[in-house]
Amino acid sequence: MSLKIHQDHSRFKAIVRGKIKANLRKYVQKGEMLGKKGKDAISIPIPFIDIPRFKYGHKEQGGVGQGDGEVGQSLGPGQQQPGDGHQAGQGEGEHALEVDITLDELAQILGEELQLPHIERRHNEKLVTQRIRYTGINTTGPESLRHFKRTFKQALKRQIATGTYDARNPVIIPTREDRRYRSYKLQDLPETNAVIIYMMDVSGSMGDEQKEIVRVESFWLDTWLRHQYKGLEARYIIHDAVAREVDRETFFHTRESGGTMISSAYKLCRDIILADYPKSAWNIYPFHFSDGDNWSADDTRQCIEMLRNDILPSVNQFAYGQVESPYGSGQFIKDLREAVGAQQNVALSEIADKDAIYNSIKDFLGKGR
């Protein structure tokens, strides 16, 4: 019975996985379809089909074929009179079953559907941390590591062997010789750490629709990179003519009315990397989103100079996503393509609307860097 339950559960999980894969593009494009996100899991609505089942009728009715009747006469209780009720509709109703799936499983599905390569980590980025590994049981040790179950069993065995155990009064009193303790050793474990530095233009030309696109896409970027790395940090920079670091909530809910100087964000990004994330120990991913408008050609040249000299030599990949806006010129991505577009650790993507997020994710993550 236990084996059958396990098989049924595995089959159900496979069905759920298949449903999510079949509807992945819809989930990506419509971020509101993703439900409550926990620490390690997220709720996703998937379509399901009701299982057919028999329903008993009222006892006062006769059996099948009993009584008089005419062709076309209704057979159920509550027979409808002419003019009552509503016209019958066509097609089946929509049903949804909300299931919980781990973010790790969601990342695997994303990778399979988009055919994303696993990230090639830099060879010099490993950090060594120590972890306690319990290796066995010992007769000595500190009281904080006493193994209560083993101690109890040892005392019980001793009392039974010596004839002091009384089944009518089963009191077990461990002695010093009965005590058992966990033994451990420190194990060196290599870890790979990564940081995403999100930058977004919040000037007047970036509206709520553009910021919603950034929010949805950043969720999937986070999900994939957390699947690839044990430790992932996220930093958030907003900018108009001036850049500042903020928390995640402020990042997605701030709107300014000033002009745009992209170089201010790149300067702050460069300073954060230099201060907190040496390239010998970190995998670094700056992601910048804007509508392509910049204050001047001189500021764009300054951005490109910082990218070439300071940012690109230190990061795994720099990614720029240009969100289409009716107020933005869209020029910045053209300048980036001409200046640094050919470099291996640069990914550029134009995001016209929510439907374009799916392909944009592949633009950013498809290089496996």
Protein backbone atom coordinates (compact mmCIF):
# COMPACT_ATOMS: atom_id res chain seq x y z
CA MET A 1 0.00 0.00 0.00
CA SER A 2 2.82 2.39 0.91
CA LEU A 3 4.57 1.67 -2.40
CA LYS A 4 1.36 2.34 -4.34
CA ILE A 5 0.84 5.68 -2.55
CA HIS A 6 4.42 6.64 -3.37
CA GLN A 7 3.89 5.70 -7.03
CA ASP A 8 0.65 7.71 -7.19
CA HIS A 9 2.34 10.71 -5.62
CA SER A 10 5.22 10.52 -8.10
CA ARG A 11 2.75 10.24 -10.98
CA PHE A 12 0.81 13.27 -9.70
CA LYS A 13 4.02 15.30 -9.44
CA ALA A 14 4.92 14.32 -13.01
CA ILE A 15 1.47 15.45 -14.21
CA VAL A 16 1.80 18.76 -12.36
CA ARG A 17 5.27 19.28 -13.83
CA GLY A 18 3.93 18.62 -17.32
CA LYS A 19 1.07 21.10 -16.82
CA ILE A 20 3.48 23.79 -15.63
CA LYS A 21 5.82 23.20 -18.57
CA ALA A 22 2.90 23.40 -20.99
CA ASN A 23 1.77 26.74 -19.51
CA LEU A 24 5.19 28.20 -18.68
CA ARG A 25 5.04 30.96 -21.30
CA LYS A 26 1.72 32.12 -19.81
CA TYR A 27 3.19 32.15 -16.29
CA VAL A 28 6.20 34.15 -17.48
CA GLN A 29 4.12 36.70 -19.37
CA LYS A 30 1.53 37.14 -16.61
CA GLY A 31 3.39 37.53 -13.35
CA GLU A 32 0.14 37.93 -11.41
CA MET A 33 -0.60 34.23 -12.07
CA LEU A 34 2.16 33.31 -9.63
CA GLY A 35 0.66 33.05 -6.17
CA LYS A 36 2.12 33.55 -2.73
CA LYS A 37 5.86 33.10 -2.60
CA GLY A 38 7.41 31.51 0.45
CA LYS A 39 11.04 31.05 1.36
CA ASP A 40 11.52 27.95 -0.79
CA ALA A 41 8.23 27.45 -2.66
CA ILE A 42 5.61 29.26 -4.70
CA SER A 43 1.94 28.59 -5.48
CA ILE A 44 0.95 28.12 -9.11
CA PRO A 45 -2.58 27.62 -10.50
CA ILE A 46 -2.80 24.78 -13.01
CA PRO A 47 -5.86 23.58 -14.97
CA PHE A 48 -7.40 20.29 -13.88
CA ILE A 49 -10.27 18.03 -14.90
CA ASP A 50 -12.93 16.92 -12.44
CA ILE A 51 -13.07 13.15 -11.94
CA PRO A 52 -16.48 11.80 -13.11
CA ARG A 53 -18.55 10.29 -10.28
CA PHE A 54 -22.04 8.90 -9.78
CA LYS A 55 -24.57 10.93 -7.82
CA TYR A 56 -27.56 9.36 -6.10
CA GLY A 57 -31.03 10.69 -6.88
CA HIS A 58 -33.98 11.26 -4.50
CA LYS A 59 -35.39 8.14 -2.85
CA GLU A 60 -39.02 8.98 -3.71
CA GLN A 61 -38.35 8.54 -7.42
CA GLY A 62 -38.83 5.25 -9.20
CA GLY A 63 -36.12 3.13 -10.70
CA VAL A 64 -34.86 3.19 -14.26
CA GLY A 65 -37.66 2.60 -16.80
CA GLN A 66 -40.52 2.82 -14.30
CA GLY A 67 -43.59 5.01 -14.80
CA ASP A 68 -45.08 6.80 -17.77
CA GLY A 69 -43.16 9.30 -19.81
CA GLU A 70 -42.89 11.06 -23.14
CA VAL A 71 -39.92 11.64 -25.41
CA GLY A 72 -38.07 14.78 -24.34
CA GLN A 73 -39.52 14.90 -20.84
CA SER A 74 -37.05 16.05 -18.14
CA LEU A 75 -36.09 13.30 -15.70
CA GLY A 76 -34.65 15.17 -12.72
CA PRO A 77 -36.21 16.91 -9.73
CA GLY A 78 -36.96 20.61 -10.07
CA GLN A 79 -38.35 20.39 -13.60
CA GLN A 80 -37.96 23.70 -15.40
CA GLN A 81 -41.03 25.64 -16.48
CA PRO A 82 -41.04 27.57 -19.76
CA GLY A 83 -39.27 30.88 -19.44
CA ASP A 84 -37.33 29.97 -16.24
CA GLY A 85 -33.58 29.84 -15.89
CA HIS A 86 -30.87 30.79 -18.37
CA GLN A 87 -29.90 29.62 -21.78
CA ALA A 88 -27.39 26.79 -21.74
CA GLY A 89 -23.82 27.81 -22.55
CA GLN A 90 -21.28 26.05 -24.71
CA GLY A 91 -17.91 24.62 -23.68
CA GLU A 92 -16.62 23.47 -20.33
CA GLY A 93 -16.12 25.70 -17.34
CA GLU A 94 -12.68 26.82 -16.26
CA HIS A 95 -11.18 25.04 -13.28
CA ALA A 96 -7.88 25.64 -11.56
CA LEU A 97 -5.95 23.71 -8.94
CA GLU A 98 -3.39 25.66 -6.95
CA VAL A 99 -0.27 23.63 -6.24
CA ASP A 100 2.93 24.41 -4.39
CA ILE A 101 6.19 23.87 -6.21
CA THR A 102 9.69 24.54 -4.94
CA LEU A 103 11.64 27.35 -6.55
CA ASP A 104 14.34 24.83 -7.38
CA GLU A 105 11.86 22.69 -9.34
CA LEU A 106 10.52 25.81 -11.06
CA ALA A 107 14.06 26.74 -12.10
CA GLN A 108 14.61 23.26 -13.54
CA ILE A 109 11.42 23.56 -15.59
CA LEU A 110 12.50 27.00 -16.80
CA GLY A 111 15.90 25.66 -17.83
CA GLU A 112 14.38 22.71 -19.70
CA GLU A 113 11.82 24.78 -21.57
CA LEU A 114 14.20 27.59 -22.54
CA GLN A 115 17.09 25.15 -23.03
CA LEU A 116 19.29 27.24 -20.75
CA PRO A 117 22.86 26.01 -20.31
CA HIS A 118 24.20 25.61 -16.80
CA ILE A 119 26.37 28.52 -15.77
CA GLU A 120 30.11 28.13 -16.22
CA ARG A 121 31.43 29.46 -12.95
CA ARG A 122 34.75 31.19 -12.77
CA HIS A 123 37.52 28.87 -11.53
CA ASN A 124 38.80 31.25 -8.86
CA GLU A 125 35.53 32.10 -7.17
CA LYS A 126 35.38 29.35 -4.55
CA LEU A 127 35.06 30.22 -0.88
CA VAL A 128 35.82 27.61 1.74
CA THR A 129 33.51 27.41 4.74
CA GLN A 130 33.48 24.95 7.62
CA ARG A 131 30.46 22.85 8.49
CA ILE A 132 29.93 20.51 11.43
CA ARG A 133 29.40 16.94 10.29
CA TYR A 134 28.22 14.38 12.85
CA THR A 135 30.15 11.18 12.28
CA GLY A 136 29.17 8.79 15.07
CA ILE A 137 28.47 8.11 18.75
CA ASN A 138 30.99 8.34 21.58
CA THR A 139 30.98 7.58 25.32
CA THR A 140 32.38 11.02 26.19
CA GLY A 141 31.52 14.52 25.16
CA PRO A 142 29.84 17.76 26.26
CA GLU A 143 26.31 17.60 27.66
CA SER A 144 25.03 19.77 24.80
CA LEU A 145 25.78 16.87 22.41
CA ARG A 146 24.25 14.11 24.53
CA HIS A 147 22.22 11.67 22.42
CA PHE A 148 19.13 11.12 24.58
CA LYS A 149 17.70 8.21 22.61
CA ARG A 150 20.96 6.27 22.61
CA THR A 151 21.47 7.03 26.29
CA PHE A 152 17.98 5.75 27.14
CA LYS A 153 18.45 2.56 25.11
CA GLN A 154 21.81 1.88 26.74
CA ALA A 155 20.32 2.33 30.23
CA LEU A 156 17.36 0.06 29.35
CA LYS A 157 19.68 -2.67 28.04
CA ARG A 158 21.82 -2.47 31.20
CA GLN A 159 18.82 -2.70 33.56
CA ILE A 160 17.36 -5.66 31.64
CA ALA A 161 20.74 -7.43 31.63
CA THR A 162 21.25 -6.90 35.38
CA GLY A 163 17.64 -7.79 36.27
CA THR A 164 16.80 -4.38 37.75
CA TYR A 165 14.15 -3.54 35.17
CA ASP A 166 10.59 -3.77 36.51
CA ALA A 167 7.91 -3.92 33.79
CA ARG A 168 5.22 -2.92 36.32
CA ASN A 169 7.23 0.20 37.23
CA PRO A 170 9.30 0.94 34.08
CA VAL A 171 11.59 3.64 35.45
CA ILE A 172 14.84 4.04 33.50
CA ILE A 173 17.66 5.83 35.31
CA PRO A 174 20.82 6.31 33.20
CA THR A 175 24.16 6.18 34.93
CA ARG A 176 27.34 7.93 33.85
CA GLU A 177 28.41 4.84 31.88
CA ASP A 178 25.11 4.81 29.95
CA ARG A 179 25.52 8.27 28.49
CA ARG A 180 26.21 8.51 24.76
CA TYR A 181 27.30 11.61 22.86
CA ARG A 182 27.37 12.67 19.23
CA SER A 183 30.86 12.92 17.78
CA TYR A 184 31.63 15.30 14.94
CA LYS A 185 34.35 16.75 12.81
CA LEU A 186 34.70 20.02 10.93
CA GLN A 187 34.41 19.61 7.18
CA ASP A 188 35.69 22.14 4.66
CA LEU A 189 33.08 22.86 2.01
CA PRO A 190 33.66 24.97 -1.09
CA GLU A 191 30.88 27.47 -1.74
CA THR A 192 30.08 29.61 -4.74
CA ASN A 193 28.69 33.04 -4.01
CA ALA A 194 26.96 35.34 -6.45
CA VAL A 195 25.40 38.79 -6.40
CA ILE A 196 22.85 40.41 -8.69
CA ILE A 197 23.03 44.20 -8.87
CA TYR A 198 19.74 45.45 -10.27
CA MET A 199 19.67 48.95 -11.75
CA MET A 200 16.53 50.66 -13.03
CA ASP A 201 15.67 54.03 -14.51
CA VAL A 202 12.81 55.55 -12.48
CA SER A 203 12.57 58.85 -14.34
CA GLY A 204 9.26 60.19 -15.59
CA SER A 205 9.41 58.23 -18.85
CA MET A 206 9.36 54.87 -17.00
CA GLY A 207 5.74 54.16 -16.11
CA ASP A 208 4.04 51.48 -14.02
CA GLU A 209 3.75 49.11 -16.97
CA GLN A 210 7.50 49.25 -17.63
CA LYS A 211 8.32 48.68 -13.95
CA GLU A 212 5.93 45.72 -13.81
CA ILE A 213 7.83 44.14 -16.71
CA VAL A 214 11.08 44.59 -14.77
CA ARG A 215 9.52 43.06 -11.64
CA VAL A 216 8.29 39.97 -13.48
CA GLU A 217 11.55 39.42 -15.33
CA SER A 218 13.65 39.88 -12.20
CA PHE A 219 11.67 37.10 -10.47
CA TRP A 220 12.68 34.59 -13.16
CA LEU A 221 16.29 35.81 -13.24
CA ASP A 222 16.46 35.40 -9.45
CA THR A 223 14.91 31.93 -9.65
CA TRP A 224 17.43 30.64 -12.19
CA LEU A 225 20.51 32.11 -10.52
CA ARG A 226 19.48 30.84 -7.07
CA HIS A 227 19.21 27.41 -8.65
CA GLN A 228 22.78 27.74 -9.92
CA TYR A 229 24.42 29.19 -6.81
CA LYS A 230 24.25 28.22 -3.14
CA GLY A 231 24.43 31.81 -1.96
CA LEU A 232 22.90 34.69 -3.92
CA GLU A 233 22.66 38.29 -2.79
CA ALA A 234 20.69 41.06 -4.46
CA ARG A 235 21.40 44.80 -4.43
CA TYR A 236 19.09 47.45 -5.88
CA ILE A 237 19.94 50.79 -7.50
CA ILE A 238 17.42 53.30 -8.83
CA HIS A 239 18.36 56.36 -10.82
CA ASP A 240 17.06 59.35 -12.68
CA ALA A 241 19.68 62.09 -12.87
CA VAL A 242 21.09 60.77 -9.54
CA ALA A 243 21.49 57.16 -8.40
CA ARG A 244 20.95 55.71 -4.95
CA GLU A 245 20.81 52.24 -3.41
CA VAL A 246 17.43 51.13 -2.04
CA ASP A 247 15.66 48.02 -0.78
CA ARG A 248 13.59 45.74 -3.02
CA GLU A 249 10.22 47.28 -2.11
CA THR A 250 11.41 50.79 -2.90
CA PHE A 251 13.05 49.58 -6.10
CA PHE A 252 9.76 48.49 -7.67
CA HIS A 253 7.53 51.26 -6.28
CA THR A 254 9.47 54.47 -6.85
CA ARG A 255 8.76 56.96 -9.59
CA GLU A 256 10.58 60.21 -10.11
CA SER A 257 9.99 63.06 -12.53
CA GLY A 258 13.53 64.17 -13.27
CA GLY A 259 15.83 63.56 -16.20
CA THR A 260 18.05 60.55 -16.82
CA MET A 261 21.80 60.18 -16.32
CA ILE A 262 22.66 56.51 -16.65
CA SER A 263 26.28 57.08 -15.69
CA SER A 264 25.18 57.82 -12.10
CA ALA A 265 23.93 54.21 -11.76
CA TYR A 266 27.06 52.72 -13.32
CA LYS A 267 29.28 54.72 -10.96
CA LEU A 268 27.37 53.44 -7.93
CA CYS A 269 27.44 49.88 -9.30
CA ARG A 270 31.20 50.13 -9.80
CA ASP A 271 31.71 51.44 -6.26
CA ILE A 272 29.58 48.62 -4.75
CA ILE A 273 31.61 46.00 -6.61
CA LEU A 274 34.93 47.51 -5.52
CA ALA A 275 33.83 47.82 -1.89
CA ASP A 276 32.01 44.52 -1.31
CA TYR A 277 32.49 41.98 -4.10
CA PRO A 278 36.06 41.16 -5.15
CA LYS A 279 36.01 39.24 -8.41
CA SER A 280 38.28 36.57 -6.91
CA ALA A 281 35.48 35.47 -4.59
CA TRP A 282 32.20 36.47 -6.25
CA ASN A 283 30.18 35.85 -9.39
CA ILE A 284 28.75 39.25 -10.27
CA TYR A 285 25.69 39.98 -12.41
CA PRO A 286 24.70 43.62 -13.04
CA PHE A 287 21.25 43.89 -14.69
CA HIS A 288 20.21 47.32 -15.93
CA PHE A 289 16.71 48.23 -17.16
CA SER A 290 15.67 51.50 -18.80
CA ASP A 291 13.67 52.85 -21.73
CA GLY A 292 16.82 53.81 -23.61
CA ASP A 293 16.70 57.53 -22.90
CA ASN A 294 19.84 59.26 -21.63
CA TRP A 295 20.69 62.86 -20.84
CA SER A 296 23.35 63.34 -23.49
CA ALA A 297 25.76 61.64 -25.84
CA ASP A 298 28.58 62.65 -23.48
CA ASP A 299 26.97 60.75 -20.62
CA THR A 300 26.55 57.69 -22.86
CA ARG A 301 30.26 57.83 -23.71
CA GLN A 302 31.03 57.98 -19.99
CA CYS A 303 28.86 54.90 -19.42
CA ILE A 304 30.67 52.94 -22.12
CA GLU A 305 34.04 53.95 -20.72
CA MET A 306 33.07 52.71 -17.24
CA LEU A 307 31.75 49.46 -18.69
CA ARG A 308 34.96 48.77 -20.61
CA ASN A 309 37.42 49.77 -17.91
CA ASP A 310 35.72 49.01 -14.58
CA ILE A 311 32.61 46.84 -14.78
CA LEU A 312 33.07 44.27 -17.57
CA PRO A 313 36.53 43.09 -16.38
CA SER A 314 35.02 42.30 -12.94
CA VAL A 315 31.71 40.61 -13.75
CA ASN A 316 30.49 37.30 -15.13
CA GLN A 317 27.99 39.09 -17.32
CA PHE A 318 26.54 42.55 -17.74
CA ALA A 319 22.94 42.57 -18.98
CA TYR A 320 20.93 45.51 -20.29
CA GLY A 321 17.19 45.26 -20.90
CA GLN A 322 15.49 48.07 -22.79
CA VAL A 323 11.80 48.30 -21.91
CA GLU A 324 9.79 49.99 -24.62
CA SER A 325 8.15 53.24 -23.55
CA PRO A 326 6.17 55.81 -25.56
CA TYR A 327 8.38 58.51 -24.02
CA GLY A 328 11.84 56.96 -24.37
CA SER A 329 14.10 57.43 -27.38
CA GLY A 330 15.42 53.85 -27.35
CA GLN A 331 18.87 55.05 -28.38
CA PHE A 332 20.96 53.62 -25.54
CA ILE A 333 20.81 49.97 -26.63
CA LYS A 334 21.99 50.96 -30.11
CA ASP A 335 25.03 52.69 -28.61
CA LEU A 336 25.76 49.66 -26.42
CA ARG A 337 25.51 47.27 -29.38
CA GLU A 338 27.98 49.34 -31.34
CA ALA A 339 30.46 49.80 -28.47
CA VAL A 340 30.39 46.57 -26.40
CA GLY A 341 27.77 44.31 -27.99
CA ALA A 342 30.37 41.90 -29.37
CA GLN A 343 31.93 41.13 -25.98
CA GLN A 344 31.22 37.66 -24.57
CA ASN A 345 30.04 38.85 -21.16
CA VAL A 346 27.50 41.36 -22.46
CA ALA A 347 23.83 40.46 -23.03
CA LEU A 348 21.40 42.96 -24.56
CA SER A 349 17.65 42.56 -24.91
CA GLU A 350 14.75 44.68 -26.15
CA ILE A 351 11.52 44.10 -24.20
CA ALA A 352 8.54 45.51 -26.07
CA ASP A 353 5.88 44.23 -23.65
CA LYS A 354 5.09 41.35 -21.27
CA ASP A 355 4.92 38.92 -24.19
CA ALA A 356 8.61 39.63 -24.86
CA ILE A 357 9.76 38.66 -21.34
CA TYR A 358 9.96 34.96 -22.28
CA ASN A 359 12.55 35.54 -25.02
CA SER A 360 14.31 38.23 -23.02
CA ILE A 361 15.07 35.73 -20.24
CA LYS A 362 16.75 33.53 -22.83
CA ASP A 363 18.71 36.54 -24.14
CA PHE A 364 20.07 37.14 -20.65
CA LEU A 365 20.68 33.55 -19.50
CA GLY A 366 21.30 31.74 -22.78
CA LYS A 367 25.07 32.29 -22.80
CA GLY A 368 25.59 30.20 -19.67
CA ARG A 369 27.77 32.77 -18.01
